[in-house]
Amino acid sequence: MLSWLVVATTALPSSALAPPAVAGPGPGPTATAVPGDRIAITFVSDRRDNGASDWFDSLGRPRRQAQTMLPEPTSAALWSATLVYTAQVPALRLTAGFTTTGSFARCLIAVNDEVRAVRTTIEDRGRVTCAR
C-alpha cells in the first residue's frame, strides 16, 4: 500500500504553494519519466481533510484514495502532502488529481526535482488534475 509522505515544503519553490493571483482553466502539461526517475506528487488545499485523490504509481497502475489528508501546514495558511516514489517503468505517464473539501486545490508533479505540471482551482469543492 502506498502512503503519502510529508516532505518539507522548502523542497518546492514557494510559488508552488502560494495561492495564485488568478487561477485559469485548462489542462496542464503531461509529465513523463523513465525508470529511476524520482517522482514527487504534491497536493495543496485550504483544508486539511479532503476528498478523493487519484494518481499512477511507480509501475504505471492507477491508484485511488477515497479521503486525502494533507497533514503539513504551509506558511500560506494552506495544507499539503507529497507522495514520492521512483519510476519503475519507461515512458510513465504521470497524472494526479484530487478534490478539495474547501475552495482551493493545487496539484504539482515534479520529476527529479523539476516541476513538470502544476494545476490550481479556486472553486468550492473543486477538483484539480495535473495532466491533459
Protein backbone atom coordinates (compact mmCIF):
# COMPACT_ATOMS: atom_id res chain seq x y z
CA MET A 1 0.00 0.00 0.00
CA LEU A 2 1.35 3.41 -0.92
CA SER A 3 1.12 6.11 1.68
CA TRP A 4 1.62 9.84 1.47
CA LEU A 5 4.97 11.07 2.67
CA VAL A 6 5.17 14.55 4.07
CA VAL A 7 8.10 16.42 2.56
CA ALA A 8 9.31 19.77 3.84
CA THR A 9 7.81 22.50 1.72
CA THR A 10 11.22 24.08 1.35
CA ALA A 11 11.99 21.38 -1.24
CA LEU A 12 9.46 23.03 -3.56
CA PRO A 13 9.54 26.56 -4.95
CA SER A 14 7.49 28.86 -2.73
CA SER A 15 5.46 29.85 -5.77
CA ALA A 16 4.19 26.26 -5.97
CA LEU A 17 2.49 26.54 -2.58
CA ALA A 18 1.31 30.15 -2.55
CA PRO A 19 -2.18 30.92 -3.85
CA PRO A 20 -2.17 32.32 -7.40
CA ALA A 21 -3.28 35.81 -8.28
CA VAL A 22 -5.58 34.33 -10.93
CA ALA A 23 -6.47 30.69 -11.48
CA GLY A 24 -7.18 29.83 -15.09
CA PRO A 25 -8.91 26.80 -16.55
CA GLY A 26 -7.28 24.44 -18.97
CA PRO A 27 -5.06 21.39 -18.82
CA GLY A 28 -1.54 21.40 -17.52
CA PRO A 29 1.38 19.74 -19.27
CA THR A 30 1.76 15.96 -19.32
CA ALA A 31 4.86 14.79 -17.50
CA THR A 32 6.72 11.59 -18.35
CA ALA A 33 9.52 9.71 -16.64
CA VAL A 34 11.98 6.90 -17.21
CA PRO A 35 12.93 4.12 -14.77
CA GLY A 36 14.97 5.52 -11.91
CA ASP A 37 13.41 9.00 -12.02
CA ARG A 38 12.27 10.40 -8.67
CA ILE A 39 8.61 11.41 -8.87
CA ALA A 40 7.01 13.79 -6.36
CA ILE A 41 3.26 14.47 -6.43
CA THR A 42 2.15 17.29 -4.15
CA PHE A 43 -1.43 18.21 -3.28
CA VAL A 44 -2.21 21.56 -1.63
CA SER A 45 -5.55 22.71 -0.21
CA ASP A 46 -7.06 25.23 2.16
CA ARG A 47 -8.41 22.25 4.15
CA ARG A 48 -6.54 19.51 5.97
CA ASP A 49 -9.09 16.76 5.20
CA ASN A 50 -10.13 16.40 1.57
CA GLY A 51 -11.96 14.17 -0.87
CA ALA A 52 -10.70 11.54 -3.28
CA SER A 53 -7.26 11.58 -4.89
CA ASP A 54 -6.01 9.66 -7.93
CA TRP A 55 -2.54 9.06 -9.36
CA PHE A 56 -0.47 6.48 -11.25
CA ASP A 57 2.07 4.55 -9.19
CA SER A 58 5.67 3.60 -9.98
CA LEU A 59 4.52 0.75 -12.25
CA GLY A 60 2.01 2.92 -14.12
CA ARG A 61 -1.02 1.43 -12.32
CA PRO A 62 -3.93 3.72 -11.39
CA ARG A 63 -4.39 4.31 -7.67
CA ARG A 64 -7.25 5.94 -5.75
CA GLN A 65 -7.62 7.09 -2.18
CA ALA A 66 -11.17 7.90 -1.02
CA GLN A 67 -10.09 10.53 1.52
CA THR A 68 -6.94 12.61 1.27
CA MET A 69 -5.45 14.10 4.43
CA LEU A 70 -2.87 16.85 3.95
CA PRO A 71 -1.04 16.95 7.29
CA GLU A 72 1.64 19.56 6.54
CA PRO A 73 0.63 23.20 7.22
CA THR A 74 2.32 25.76 4.97
CA SER A 75 3.23 29.37 5.58
CA ALA A 76 0.36 30.47 3.28
CA ALA A 77 -2.38 29.05 5.59
CA LEU A 78 -2.69 26.01 3.33
CA TRP A 79 -2.18 22.27 3.87
CA SER A 80 -0.02 19.97 1.75
CA ALA A 81 1.25 16.42 1.36
CA THR A 82 3.71 14.88 -1.07
CA LEU A 83 3.92 11.32 -2.38
CA VAL A 84 7.45 10.43 -3.51
CA TYR A 85 8.45 7.31 -5.44
CA THR A 86 10.94 6.04 -8.04
CA ALA A 87 9.61 5.25 -11.52
CA GLN A 88 9.90 1.55 -12.34
CA VAL A 89 8.67 1.54 -15.97
CA PRO A 90 9.68 3.54 -19.07
CA ALA A 91 7.54 6.33 -20.55
CA LEU A 92 5.43 6.56 -17.43
CA ARG A 93 2.55 8.96 -17.99
CA LEU A 94 2.10 10.98 -14.85
CA THR A 95 -1.36 12.13 -13.93
CA ALA A 96 -2.59 13.08 -10.48
CA GLY A 97 -5.62 14.84 -9.08
CA PHE A 98 -7.75 15.37 -6.01
CA THR A 99 -10.92 17.01 -4.76
CA THR A 100 -10.77 19.66 -2.05
CA THR A 101 -13.36 19.98 0.68
CA GLY A 102 -12.58 23.68 0.74
CA SER A 103 -12.28 26.22 -2.07
CA PHE A 104 -8.60 25.97 -3.08
CA ALA A 105 -6.82 22.98 -4.65
CA ARG A 106 -3.45 22.63 -6.36
CA CYS A 107 -1.54 19.63 -7.63
CA LEU A 108 2.10 19.65 -8.63
CA ILE A 109 4.18 16.93 -10.28
CA ALA A 110 7.98 17.09 -10.16
CA VAL A 111 10.41 14.71 -11.84
CA ASN A 112 13.91 14.71 -10.35
CA ASP A 113 13.02 17.98 -8.55
CA GLU A 114 11.99 19.69 -11.81
CA VAL A 115 8.36 20.84 -11.81
CA ARG A 116 6.63 19.30 -14.83
CA ALA A 117 2.96 20.03 -14.14
CA VAL A 118 1.03 22.43 -11.91
CA ARG A 119 -2.68 22.97 -11.81
CA THR A 120 -4.81 25.11 -9.49
CA THR A 121 -8.51 25.67 -9.00
CA ILE A 122 -10.37 28.09 -6.78
CA GLU A 123 -13.82 26.61 -6.56
CA ASP A 124 -15.97 25.29 -3.72
CA ARG A 125 -15.25 21.54 -3.51
CA GLY A 126 -13.23 21.86 -6.72
CA ARG A 127 -11.27 19.09 -8.40
CA VAL A 128 -7.79 19.64 -9.82
CA THR A 129 -5.87 17.32 -12.17
CA CYS A 130 -2.26 17.63 -13.32
CA ALA A 131 -2.36 16.24 -16.88
CA ARG A 132 -4.01 16.73 -20.23
